Amino acid sequence: MGNLIEVKNLKKYFKVPAGMNHAVDDVSFTISKGETLGVVGESGCGKSTLGRAVIRLHEATDGQVLLNGEDITHVQGKKLKKVREKMQIIFQDPYSSLNPRMTIEETVREPLQYSGRFQKSQLEEETNRLMDLVGIDQRLRASYPHELDGGRRQRVGIARALALNPEFIVCDEPVSALDVSIQAQVLNLLMDLQEQMGMAYMFITHDLSVVRHISTNICVMYLGQLVEKASADDLFRETLHPYTKALLSAIPSADLDHPMQRIQLTGEITSPINPKPGCRFAARCPYATEACHQPQKLEEVEPGHFVSCCRVREIN
């Protein structure tokens, strides 16, 4: 199966009074058709910025994004409009991402009208199809976002993202604002839709238990950089980077007989503004040595398992 998305050395820096914030710094990965790539890390690590840079909601500072082998990093105008029909996003907060002045019917119909693909006579039929597809009752057509609960609002956001049959969707923490009981429903809906329509997902979250459930492969981010990249099975079977180990240890476990030892991280979090060369996790890492303050590379330490840590073989 060929690569749908190829990200090469992507960087996104923001100018701030103190210098440059390295929100995304030299990140590379691929996503195959029909695959789900999970991107996980703490709040502020650059996950959402990465997702938005990939689909051109943020302009990249450097690097490339390829869609079906075509470089889309700098396309503009009508060509960018066509690219955006193939790449969509589901936002974290389904309330703030919906227009409060538009009904559910108007919200779902808007991208259909904007695309120019459909005649007026087709719009109602397509709107009905999308609402049925994501499980929104037709009786809610004239409702406004504030009249719906979080789960239904997120279904509206999903319907809007699916309107033009995209090949790739960035799911930016789509269940983190929902109750736990509703989270499972939305996750199952996303997985069912992927099976039906064959889309690829980039699933951004801070919750490793969620990312394990839905992902084919997982990238772990820390302060703008990838520190570990592997298949979901490999990552959970043999975690190699100290930061990923700490994240995994924080997952609540129901196994009272064999509880996982919680890894407590100490030390100051490195600033992403004008960072020095070297591992950005070194200040909090219990295994850090002088060598860790030299530039690190994401290297394949086992087949398909990449880690950015010069001491990975010594500590595992």
C-alpha atoms as a PDB file:
ATOM      1  CA  MET A   1       0.000   0.000   0.000  1.00  0.00           C
ATOM      2  CA  GLY A   2       1.495   3.313  -1.100  1.00  0.00           C
ATOM      3  CA  ASN A   3       2.069   6.398   1.006  1.00  0.00           C
ATOM      4  CA  LEU A   4      -0.826   8.835   0.983  1.00  0.00           C
ATOM      5  CA  ILE A   5       0.966  11.431   3.141  1.00  0.00           C
ATOM      6  CA  GLU A   6       4.717  11.942   3.309  1.00  0.00           C
ATOM      7  CA  VAL A   7       6.104  14.563   5.703  1.00  0.00           C
ATOM      8  CA  LYS A   8       9.782  15.436   5.283  1.00  0.00           C
ATOM      9  CA  ASN A   9      11.759  17.460   7.841  1.00  0.00           C
ATOM     10  CA  LEU A  10       8.749  19.647   8.615  1.00  0.00           C
ATOM     11  CA  LYS A  11       9.351  22.725  10.755  1.00  0.00           C
ATOM     12  CA  LYS A  12       6.962  25.317  12.103  1.00  0.00           C
ATOM     13  CA  TYR A  13       8.419  28.184  14.114  1.00  0.00           C
ATOM     14  CA  PHE A  14       6.496  31.079  15.641  1.00  0.00           C
ATOM     15  CA  LYS A  15       8.101  34.459  16.292  1.00  0.00           C
ATOM     16  CA  VAL A  16       7.696  35.517  19.934  1.00  0.00           C
ATOM     17  CA  PRO A  17       9.250  38.460  21.833  1.00  0.00           C
ATOM     18  CA  ALA A  18      12.040  36.231  23.216  1.00  0.00           C
ATOM     19  CA  GLY A  19      12.974  34.716  19.831  1.00  0.00           C
ATOM     20  CA  MET A  20      11.610  31.754  17.860  1.00  0.00           C
ATOM     21  CA  ASN A  21       9.276  29.126  19.314  1.00  0.00           C
ATOM     22  CA  HIS A  22      10.248  25.792  17.721  1.00  0.00           C
ATOM     23  CA  ALA A  23       6.722  24.326  17.860  1.00  0.00           C
ATOM     24  CA  VAL A  24       7.481  21.631  15.259  1.00  0.00           C
ATOM     25  CA  ASP A  25      11.136  20.917  14.610  1.00  0.00           C
ATOM     26  CA  ASP A  26      12.368  18.609  11.850  1.00  0.00           C
ATOM     27  CA  VAL A  27       9.558  16.029  11.927  1.00  0.00           C
ATOM     28  CA  SER A  28       9.305  13.259   9.302  1.00  0.00           C
ATOM     29  CA  PHE A  29       6.800  10.407   8.879  1.00  0.00           C
ATOM     30  CA  THR A  30       4.541   8.701   6.334  1.00  0.00           C
ATOM     31  CA  ILE A  31       0.887   7.649   6.420  1.00  0.00           C
ATOM     32  CA  SER A  32      -0.441   4.935   4.118  1.00  0.00           C
ATOM     33  CA  LYS A  33      -3.923   4.861   2.630  1.00  0.00           C
ATOM     34  CA  GLY A  34      -6.441   3.600   5.168  1.00  0.00           C
ATOM     35  CA  GLU A  35      -3.922   3.843   8.045  1.00  0.00           C
ATOM     36  CA  THR A  36      -4.317   5.634  11.370  1.00  0.00           C
ATOM     37  CA  LEU A  37      -1.188   7.360  12.661  1.00  0.00           C
ATOM     38  CA  GLY A  38      -1.489   8.238  16.333  1.00  0.00           C
ATOM     39  CA  VAL A  39       0.440  11.305  17.517  1.00  0.00           C
ATOM     40  CA  VAL A  40       0.773  11.451  21.289  1.00  0.00           C
ATOM     41  CA  GLY A  41       2.477  13.703  23.823  1.00  0.00           C
ATOM     42  CA  GLU A  42       1.893  16.213  26.602  1.00  0.00           C
ATOM     43  CA  SER A  43      -0.063  19.421  26.111  1.00  0.00           C
ATOM     44  CA  GLY A  44       2.120  21.993  24.377  1.00  0.00           C
ATOM     45  CA  CYS A  45       4.395  19.470  22.632  1.00  0.00           C
ATOM     46  CA  GLY A  46       3.345  20.609  19.133  1.00  0.00           C
ATOM     47  CA  LYS A  47       0.856  17.860  18.190  1.00  0.00           C
ATOM     48  CA  SER A  48      -1.934  20.164  17.026  1.00  0.00           C
ATOM     49  CA  THR A  49       0.485  22.530  15.288  1.00  0.00           C
ATOM     50  CA  LEU A  50       1.927  19.542  13.413  1.00  0.00           C
ATOM     51  CA  GLY A  51      -1.534  18.424  12.276  1.00  0.00           C
ATOM     52  CA  ARG A  52      -2.462  21.907  11.117  1.00  0.00           C
ATOM     53  CA  ALA A  53       0.835  22.345   9.266  1.00  0.00           C
ATOM     54  CA  VAL A  54       0.291  19.057   7.426  1.00  0.00           C
ATOM     55  CA  ILE A  55      -3.097  20.168   6.079  1.00  0.00           C
ATOM     56  CA  ARG A  56      -1.910  23.736   5.408  1.00  0.00           C
ATOM     57  CA  LEU A  57      -3.871  25.548   8.127  1.00  0.00           C
ATOM     58  CA  HIS A  58      -0.401  26.701   9.212  1.00  0.00           C
ATOM     59  CA  GLU A  59       2.259  27.579   6.661  1.00  0.00           C
ATOM     60  CA  ALA A  60       5.381  25.484   7.233  1.00  0.00           C
ATOM     61  CA  THR A  61       8.609  27.291   8.100  1.00  0.00           C
ATOM     62  CA  ASP A  62      10.603  24.605   6.279  1.00  0.00           C
ATOM     63  CA  GLY A  63      10.269  21.042   5.032  1.00  0.00           C
ATOM     64  CA  GLN A  64       7.794  19.329   2.724  1.00  0.00           C
ATOM     65  CA  VAL A  65       4.349  17.742   2.792  1.00  0.00           C
ATOM     66  CA  LEU A  66       3.497  15.377  -0.054  1.00  0.00           C
ATOM     67  CA  LEU A  67      -0.025  14.159  -0.862  1.00  0.00           C
ATOM     68  CA  ASN A  68      -0.066  11.147  -3.190  1.00  0.00           C
ATOM     69  CA  GLY A  69       3.508  12.000  -4.134  1.00  0.00           C
ATOM     70  CA  GLU A  70       2.776  15.640  -5.010  1.00  0.00           C
ATOM     71  CA  ASP A  71       4.430  18.429  -3.019  1.00  0.00           C
ATOM     72  CA  ILE A  72       1.604  20.569  -1.593  1.00  0.00           C
ATOM     73  CA  THR A  73       3.733  22.640   0.805  1.00  0.00           C
ATOM     74  CA  HIS A  74       3.417  25.877  -1.139  1.00  0.00           C
ATOM     75  CA  VAL A  75       0.394  25.419  -3.444  1.00  0.00           C
ATOM     76  CA  GLN A  76      -1.990  28.364  -3.520  1.00  0.00           C
ATOM     77  CA  GLY A  77      -5.299  29.499  -5.015  1.00  0.00           C
ATOM     78  CA  LYS A  78      -7.511  26.968  -6.822  1.00  0.00           C
ATOM     79  CA  LYS A  79      -4.916  24.249  -6.392  1.00  0.00           C
ATOM     80  CA  LEU A  80      -4.956  24.719  -2.596  1.00  0.00           C
ATOM     81  CA  LYS A  81      -8.769  24.581  -2.633  1.00  0.00           C
ATOM     82  CA  LYS A  82      -8.591  21.203  -4.422  1.00  0.00           C
ATOM     83  CA  VAL A  83      -5.997  19.943  -1.924  1.00  0.00           C
ATOM     84  CA  ARG A  84      -8.188  20.971   1.010  1.00  0.00           C
ATOM     85  CA  GLU A  85     -11.089  18.951  -0.369  1.00  0.00           C
ATOM     86  CA  LYS A  86      -8.882  15.873   0.062  1.00  0.00           C
ATOM     87  CA  MET A  87      -7.605  16.830   3.548  1.00  0.00           C
ATOM     88  CA  GLN A  88      -9.938  17.758   6.397  1.00  0.00           C
ATOM     89  CA  ILE A  89      -9.825  18.249  10.166  1.00  0.00           C
ATOM     90  CA  ILE A  90     -12.059  17.367  13.123  1.00  0.00           C
ATOM     91  CA  PHE A  91     -11.426  19.863  15.916  1.00  0.00           C
ATOM     92  CA  GLN A  92     -11.090  19.176  19.637  1.00  0.00           C
ATOM     93  CA  ASP A  93     -13.931  21.349  20.887  1.00  0.00           C
ATOM     94  CA  PRO A  94     -17.122  20.647  18.931  1.00  0.00           C
ATOM     95  CA  TYR A  95     -18.809  23.690  20.441  1.00  0.00           C
ATOM     96  CA  SER A  96     -16.307  26.406  19.528  1.00  0.00           C
ATOM     97  CA  SER A  97     -15.675  24.905  16.059  1.00  0.00           C
ATOM     98  CA  LEU A  98     -19.337  25.185  14.974  1.00  0.00           C
ATOM     99  CA  ASN A  99     -20.991  28.455  13.968  1.00  0.00           C
ATOM    100  CA  PRO A 100     -23.576  29.190  16.716  1.00  0.00           C
ATOM    101  CA  ARG A 101     -25.741  31.132  14.235  1.00  0.00           C
ATOM    102  CA  MET A 102     -26.107  28.211  11.801  1.00  0.00           C
ATOM    103  CA  THR A 103     -28.492  25.289  12.168  1.00  0.00           C
ATOM    104  CA  ILE A 104     -27.191  21.726  11.971  1.00  0.00           C
ATOM    105  CA  GLU A 105     -28.607  21.417   8.449  1.00  0.00           C
ATOM    106  CA  GLU A 106     -26.850  24.638   7.330  1.00  0.00           C
ATOM    107  CA  THR A 107     -23.567  23.567   8.943  1.00  0.00           C
ATOM    108  CA  VAL A 108     -23.508  20.190   7.200  1.00  0.00           C
ATOM    109  CA  ARG A 109     -24.631  21.687   3.875  1.00  0.00           C
ATOM    110  CA  GLU A 110     -22.093  24.555   3.821  1.00  0.00           C
ATOM    111  CA  PRO A 111     -19.050  22.624   2.481  1.00  0.00           C
ATOM    112  CA  LEU A 112     -21.269  20.986  -0.152  1.00  0.00           C
ATOM    113  CA  GLN A 113     -22.374  24.413  -1.406  1.00  0.00           C
ATOM    114  CA  TYR A 114     -18.865  25.861  -1.236  1.00  0.00           C
ATOM    115  CA  SER A 115     -17.381  23.054  -3.344  1.00  0.00           C
ATOM    116  CA  GLY A 116     -19.604  23.800  -6.352  1.00  0.00           C
ATOM    117  CA  ARG A 117     -19.870  20.064  -7.049  1.00  0.00           C
ATOM    118  CA  PHE A 118     -23.588  19.766  -6.389  1.00  0.00           C
ATOM    119  CA  GLN A 119     -26.734  21.201  -7.967  1.00  0.00           C
ATOM    120  CA  LYS A 120     -29.354  22.734  -5.661  1.00  0.00           C
ATOM    121  CA  SER A 121     -31.572  19.700  -6.092  1.00  0.00           C
ATOM    122  CA  GLN A 122     -28.763  17.436  -4.808  1.00  0.00           C
ATOM    123  CA  LEU A 123     -27.887  19.438  -1.693  1.00  0.00           C
ATOM    124  CA  GLU A 124     -30.763  18.237   0.483  1.00  0.00           C
ATOM    125  CA  GLU A 125     -30.196  14.606  -0.479  1.00  0.00           C
ATOM    126  CA  GLU A 126     -26.446  14.853   0.299  1.00  0.00           C
ATOM    127  CA  THR A 127     -27.110  16.648   3.593  1.00  0.00           C
ATOM    128  CA  ASN A 128     -29.525  13.880   4.616  1.00  0.00           C
ATOM    129  CA  ARG A 129     -26.993  11.219   3.636  1.00  0.00           C
ATOM    130  CA  LEU A 130     -24.236  12.801   5.732  1.00  0.00           C
ATOM    131  CA  MET A 131     -26.467  13.171   8.777  1.00  0.00           C
ATOM    132  CA  ASP A 132     -27.536   9.533   8.504  1.00  0.00           C
ATOM    133  CA  LEU A 133     -23.929   8.453   7.979  1.00  0.00           C
ATOM    134  CA  VAL A 134     -22.777   9.868  11.330  1.00  0.00           C
ATOM    135  CA  GLY A 135     -25.955   9.051  13.263  1.00  0.00           C
ATOM    136  CA  ILE A 136     -27.564  12.506  13.608  1.00  0.00           C
ATOM    137  CA  ASP A 137     -31.347  12.251  13.839  1.00  0.00           C
ATOM    138  CA  GLN A 138     -33.123  14.143  11.028  1.00  0.00           C
ATOM    139  CA  ARG A 139     -35.381  15.803  13.624  1.00  0.00           C
ATOM    140  CA  LEU A 140     -32.337  17.859  14.698  1.00  0.00           C
ATOM    141  CA  ARG A 141     -31.944  19.573  11.298  1.00  0.00           C
ATOM    142  CA  ALA A 142     -33.306  22.920  12.553  1.00  0.00           C
ATOM    143  CA  SER A 143     -31.450  22.769  15.903  1.00  0.00           C
ATOM    144  CA  TYR A 144     -28.511  25.008  16.797  1.00  0.00           C
ATOM    145  CA  PRO A 145     -25.198  23.779  18.289  1.00  0.00           C
ATOM    146  CA  HIS A 146     -26.049  24.985  21.816  1.00  0.00           C
ATOM    147  CA  GLU A 147     -29.129  22.725  21.793  1.00  0.00           C
ATOM    148  CA  LEU A 148     -27.060  19.558  21.299  1.00  0.00           C
ATOM    149  CA  ASP A 149     -24.862  17.617  23.715  1.00  0.00           C
ATOM    150  CA  GLY A 150     -21.126  17.271  23.086  1.00  0.00           C
ATOM    151  CA  GLY A 151     -21.366  13.889  21.372  1.00  0.00           C
ATOM    152  CA  ARG A 152     -23.949  15.088  18.843  1.00  0.00           C
ATOM    153  CA  ARG A 153     -22.008  18.293  18.225  1.00  0.00           C
ATOM    154  CA  GLN A 154     -18.896  16.244  17.460  1.00  0.00           C
ATOM    155  CA  ARG A 155     -20.927  14.100  15.043  1.00  0.00           C
ATOM    156  CA  VAL A 156     -21.851  17.319  13.226  1.00  0.00           C
ATOM    157  CA  GLY A 157     -18.138  18.188  13.005  1.00  0.00           C
ATOM    158  CA  ILE A 158     -17.412  14.718  11.615  1.00  0.00           C
ATOM    159  CA  ALA A 159     -20.227  15.028   9.041  1.00  0.00           C
ATOM    160  CA  ARG A 160     -18.822  18.360   7.889  1.00  0.00           C
ATOM    161  CA  ALA A 161     -15.320  16.869   7.553  1.00  0.00           C
ATOM    162  CA  LEU A 162     -16.687  13.953   5.493  1.00  0.00           C
ATOM    163  CA  ALA A 163     -18.795  16.108   3.161  1.00  0.00           C
ATOM    164  CA  LEU A 164     -16.403  16.019   0.184  1.00  0.00           C
ATOM    165  CA  ASN A 165     -15.130  12.438   0.629  1.00  0.00           C
ATOM    166  CA  PRO A 166     -11.596  13.350   1.818  1.00  0.00           C
ATOM    167  CA  GLU A 167      -8.704  10.910   1.630  1.00  0.00           C
ATOM    168  CA  PHE A 168      -7.104  12.147   4.861  1.00  0.00           C
ATOM    169  CA  ILE A 169      -8.489  13.588   8.109  1.00  0.00           C
ATOM    170  CA  VAL A 170      -6.593  15.117  11.015  1.00  0.00           C
ATOM    171  CA  CYS A 171      -8.482  14.189  14.201  1.00  0.00           C
ATOM    172  CA  ASP A 172      -7.276  16.829  16.684  1.00  0.00           C
ATOM    173  CA  GLU A 173      -8.143  15.344  20.101  1.00  0.00           C
ATOM    174  CA  PRO A 174     -11.717  14.708  18.882  1.00  0.00           C
ATOM    175  CA  VAL A 175     -12.894  12.941  22.060  1.00  0.00           C
ATOM    176  CA  SER A 176     -10.967  14.701  24.840  1.00  0.00           C
ATOM    177  CA  ALA A 177     -13.804  17.206  25.488  1.00  0.00           C
ATOM    178  CA  LEU A 178     -16.436  14.443  25.742  1.00  0.00           C
ATOM    179  CA  ASP A 179     -17.694  12.282  28.605  1.00  0.00           C
ATOM    180  CA  VAL A 180     -16.017   8.868  28.794  1.00  0.00           C
ATOM    181  CA  SER A 181     -19.214   7.028  27.788  1.00  0.00           C
ATOM    182  CA  ILE A 182     -19.555   9.237  24.682  1.00  0.00           C
ATOM    183  CA  GLN A 183     -15.845   8.934  23.806  1.00  0.00           C
ATOM    184  CA  ALA A 184     -16.223   5.227  22.992  1.00  0.00           C
ATOM    185  CA  GLN A 185     -19.211   5.932  20.713  1.00  0.00           C
ATOM    186  CA  VAL A 186     -17.327   8.584  18.732  1.00  0.00           C
ATOM    187  CA  LEU A 187     -14.173   6.441  18.477  1.00  0.00           C
ATOM    188  CA  ASN A 188     -16.202   3.489  17.199  1.00  0.00           C
ATOM    189  CA  LEU A 189     -17.942   5.773  14.703  1.00  0.00           C
ATOM    190  CA  LEU A 190     -14.579   7.015  13.379  1.00  0.00           C
ATOM    191  CA  MET A 191     -13.298   3.454  13.013  1.00  0.00           C
ATOM    192  CA  ASP A 192     -16.488   2.321  11.247  1.00  0.00           C
ATOM    193  CA  LEU A 193     -16.330   5.279   8.847  1.00  0.00           C
ATOM    194  CA  GLN A 194     -12.691   4.510   8.073  1.00  0.00           C
ATOM    195  CA  GLU A 195     -13.588   0.925   7.251  1.00  0.00           C
ATOM    196  CA  GLN A 196     -16.444   2.050   4.978  1.00  0.00           C
ATOM    197  CA  MET A 197     -14.643   4.897   3.193  1.00  0.00           C
ATOM    198  CA  GLY A 198     -10.960   3.934   3.359  1.00  0.00           C
ATOM    199  CA  MET A 199      -9.698   7.274   4.723  1.00  0.00           C
ATOM    200  CA  ALA A 200      -6.390   7.746   6.511  1.00  0.00           C
ATOM    201  CA  TYR A 201      -6.369   9.437   9.915  1.00  0.00           C
ATOM    202  CA  MET A 202      -3.773  11.380  11.850  1.00  0.00           C
ATOM    203  CA  PHE A 203      -5.155  10.943  15.359  1.00  0.00           C
ATOM    204  CA  ILE A 204      -3.789  13.501  17.828  1.00  0.00           C
ATOM    205  CA  THR A 205      -4.229  12.839  21.544  1.00  0.00           C
ATOM    206  CA  HIS A 206      -2.548  12.942  24.946  1.00  0.00           C
ATOM    207  CA  ASP A 207      -4.344   9.733  25.983  1.00  0.00           C
ATOM    208  CA  LEU A 208      -2.240   6.633  25.267  1.00  0.00           C
ATOM    209  CA  SER A 209      -5.088   4.229  26.016  1.00  0.00           C
ATOM    210  CA  VAL A 210      -7.179   5.902  23.282  1.00  0.00           C
ATOM    211  CA  VAL A 211      -4.318   5.951  20.782  1.00  0.00           C
ATOM    212  CA  ARG A 212      -3.636   2.260  21.350  1.00  0.00           C
ATOM    213  CA  HIS A 213      -7.274   1.444  20.582  1.00  0.00           C
ATOM    214  CA  ILE A 214      -7.424   3.260  17.247  1.00  0.00           C
ATOM    215  CA  SER A 215      -3.883   3.508  15.781  1.00  0.00           C
ATOM    216  CA  THR A 216      -1.915   1.443  13.296  1.00  0.00           C
ATOM    217  CA  ASN A 217       1.337   3.286  14.038  1.00  0.00           C
ATOM    218  CA  ILE A 218       2.242   5.783  16.758  1.00  0.00           C
ATOM    219  CA  CYS A 219       4.561   8.804  16.914  1.00  0.00           C
ATOM    220  CA  VAL A 220       5.514  10.158  20.345  1.00  0.00           C
ATOM    221  CA  MET A 221       6.298  13.893  20.441  1.00  0.00           C
ATOM    222  CA  TYR A 222       8.204  15.886  23.000  1.00  0.00           C
ATOM    223  CA  LEU A 223       8.665  19.667  22.644  1.00  0.00           C
ATOM    224  CA  GLY A 224       8.317  19.758  18.869  1.00  0.00           C
ATOM    225  CA  GLN A 225      10.313  16.639  18.021  1.00  0.00           C
ATOM    226  CA  LEU A 226       9.571  12.944  17.518  1.00  0.00           C
ATOM    227  CA  VAL A 227      11.282  10.832  20.184  1.00  0.00           C
ATOM    228  CA  GLU A 228       9.817   7.430  19.278  1.00  0.00           C
ATOM    229  CA  LYS A 229       7.968   5.987  16.292  1.00  0.00           C
ATOM    230  CA  ALA A 230       6.710   2.410  15.917  1.00  0.00           C
ATOM    231  CA  SER A 231       3.664   0.264  15.226  1.00  0.00           C
ATOM    232  CA  ALA A 232       1.093   0.381  18.031  1.00  0.00           C
ATOM    233  CA  ASP A 233       1.800  -3.251  18.935  1.00  0.00           C
ATOM    234  CA  ASP A 234       5.589  -2.749  19.075  1.00  0.00           C
ATOM    235  CA  LEU A 235       5.379   0.471  21.069  1.00  0.00           C
ATOM    236  CA  PHE A 236       3.280  -1.059  23.833  1.00  0.00           C
ATOM    237  CA  ARG A 237       5.128  -4.387  23.839  1.00  0.00           C
ATOM    238  CA  GLU A 238       8.607  -2.856  24.011  1.00  0.00           C
ATOM    239  CA  THR A 239       8.750   0.815  24.923  1.00  0.00           C
ATOM    240  CA  LEU A 240      12.283   2.140  24.402  1.00  0.00           C
ATOM    241  CA  HIS A 241      12.458   5.921  24.955  1.00  0.00           C
ATOM    242  CA  PRO A 242      12.506   7.123  28.605  1.00  0.00           C
ATOM    243  CA  TYR A 243       9.806   9.708  27.897  1.00  0.00           C
ATOM    244  CA  THR A 244       7.455   7.122  26.358  1.00  0.00           C
ATOM    245  CA  LYS A 245       8.068   4.856  29.362  1.00  0.00           C
ATOM    246  CA  ALA A 246       6.991   7.700  31.664  1.00  0.00           C
ATOM    247  CA  LEU A 247       3.850   8.345  29.601  1.00  0.00           C
ATOM    248  CA  LEU A 248       2.894   4.662  29.674  1.00  0.00           C
ATOM    249  CA  SER A 249       3.445   4.428  33.412  1.00  0.00           C
ATOM    250  CA  ALA A 250       0.802   7.132  33.913  1.00  0.00           C
ATOM    251  CA  ILE A 251      -2.005   5.026  32.360  1.00  0.00           C
ATOM    252  CA  PRO A 252      -4.364   3.837  35.129  1.00  0.00           C
ATOM    253  CA  SER A 253      -4.357   0.045  35.427  1.00  0.00           C
ATOM    254  CA  ALA A 254      -7.072  -2.285  36.690  1.00  0.00           C
ATOM    255  CA  ASP A 255      -4.491  -4.996  37.417  1.00  0.00           C
ATOM    256  CA  LEU A 256      -4.129  -4.618  41.202  1.00  0.00           C
ATOM    257  CA  ASP A 257      -1.849  -7.666  41.464  1.00  0.00           C
ATOM    258  CA  HIS A 258       0.712  -6.294  39.008  1.00  0.00           C
ATOM    259  CA  PRO A 259       0.471  -2.486  39.092  1.00  0.00           C
ATOM    260  CA  MET A 260       2.834  -0.585  36.799  1.00  0.00           C
ATOM    261  CA  GLN A 261       5.496   1.368  38.670  1.00  0.00           C
ATOM    262  CA  ARG A 262       4.748   5.068  38.148  1.00  0.00           C
ATOM    263  CA  ILE A 263       7.747   6.992  36.778  1.00  0.00           C
ATOM    264  CA  GLN A 264       7.903  10.432  38.380  1.00  0.00           C
ATOM    265  CA  LEU A 265       9.618  13.010  36.179  1.00  0.00           C
ATOM    266  CA  THR A 266      11.537  15.791  37.889  1.00  0.00           C
ATOM    267  CA  GLY A 267      13.507  18.762  36.589  1.00  0.00           C
ATOM    268  CA  GLU A 268      12.611  21.792  34.512  1.00  0.00           C
ATOM    269  CA  ILE A 269      10.848  21.460  31.169  1.00  0.00           C
ATOM    270  CA  THR A 270      13.170  22.777  28.453  1.00  0.00           C
ATOM    271  CA  SER A 271      11.903  25.915  26.725  1.00  0.00           C
ATOM    272  CA  PRO A 272      10.920  25.492  23.055  1.00  0.00           C
ATOM    273  CA  ILE A 273      12.090  29.065  22.465  1.00  0.00           C
ATOM    274  CA  ASN A 274      15.557  29.082  20.874  1.00  0.00           C
ATOM    275  CA  PRO A 275      16.337  25.552  22.177  1.00  0.00           C
ATOM    276  CA  LYS A 276      19.922  24.361  22.443  1.00  0.00           C
ATOM    277  CA  PRO A 277      21.141  21.344  20.459  1.00  0.00           C
ATOM    278  CA  GLY A 278      20.671  18.001  22.162  1.00  0.00           C
ATOM    279  CA  CYS A 279      17.833  15.958  23.590  1.00  0.00           C
ATOM    280  CA  ARG A 280      15.049  18.225  24.820  1.00  0.00           C
ATOM    281  CA  PHE A 281      14.029  15.614  27.370  1.00  0.00           C
ATOM    282  CA  ALA A 282      17.518  15.468  28.950  1.00  0.00           C
ATOM    283  CA  ALA A 283      16.675  17.915  31.777  1.00  0.00           C
ATOM    284  CA  ARG A 284      13.959  15.513  33.043  1.00  0.00           C
ATOM    285  CA  CYS A 285      15.519  12.183  32.052  1.00  0.00           C
ATOM    286  CA  PRO A 286      16.889   9.921  34.825  1.00  0.00           C
ATOM    287  CA  TYR A 287      19.404   8.413  32.364  1.00  0.00           C
ATOM    288  CA  ALA A 288      20.833  11.654  30.943  1.00  0.00           C
ATOM    289  CA  THR A 289      24.597  12.074  30.553  1.00  0.00           C
ATOM    290  CA  GLU A 290      26.811  14.665  28.885  1.00  0.00           C
ATOM    291  CA  ALA A 291      26.309  12.856  25.558  1.00  0.00           C
ATOM    292  CA  CYS A 292      22.604  13.679  25.661  1.00  0.00           C
ATOM    293  CA  HIS A 293      23.400  17.373  25.174  1.00  0.00           C
ATOM    294  CA  GLN A 294      24.693  16.638  21.666  1.00  0.00           C
ATOM    295  CA  PRO A 295      22.312  16.601  18.647  1.00  0.00           C
ATOM    296  CA  GLN A 296      20.153  13.433  18.575  1.00  0.00           C
ATOM    297  CA  LYS A 297      18.853  11.524  15.573  1.00  0.00           C
ATOM    298  CA  LEU A 298      15.724   9.420  15.147  1.00  0.00           C
ATOM    299  CA  GLU A 299      17.328   6.052  14.366  1.00  0.00           C
ATOM    300  CA  GLU A 300      15.899   2.620  13.619  1.00  0.00           C
ATOM    301  CA  VAL A 301      17.002   0.491  16.573  1.00  0.00           C
ATOM    302  CA  GLU A 302      14.754  -2.451  15.678  1.00  0.00           C
ATOM    303  CA  PRO A 303      12.895  -3.171  12.413  1.00  0.00           C
ATOM    304  CA  GLY A 304      10.262  -0.438  12.081  1.00  0.00           C
ATOM    305  CA  HIS A 305      11.000   0.958  15.563  1.00  0.00           C
ATOM    306  CA  PHE A 306      12.680   4.388  15.608  1.00  0.00           C
ATOM    307  CA  VAL A 307      14.024   6.138  18.700  1.00  0.00           C
ATOM    308  CA  SER A 308      15.788   9.472  19.254  1.00  0.00           C
ATOM    309  CA  CYS A 309      18.099   8.600  22.168  1.00  0.00           C
ATOM    310  CA  CYS A 310      21.869   8.064  22.118  1.00  0.00           C
ATOM    311  CA  ARG A 311      21.623   5.804  25.220  1.00  0.00           C
ATOM    312  CA  VAL A 312      18.707   3.648  24.085  1.00  0.00           C
ATOM    313  CA  ARG A 313      20.757   0.426  23.901  1.00  0.00           C
ATOM    314  CA  GLU A 314      22.359   0.974  27.300  1.00  0.00           C
ATOM    315  CA  ILE A 315      19.130   1.575  29.207  1.00  0.00           C
ATOM    316  CA  ASN A 316      16.969  -1.167  27.656  1.00  0.00           C
END
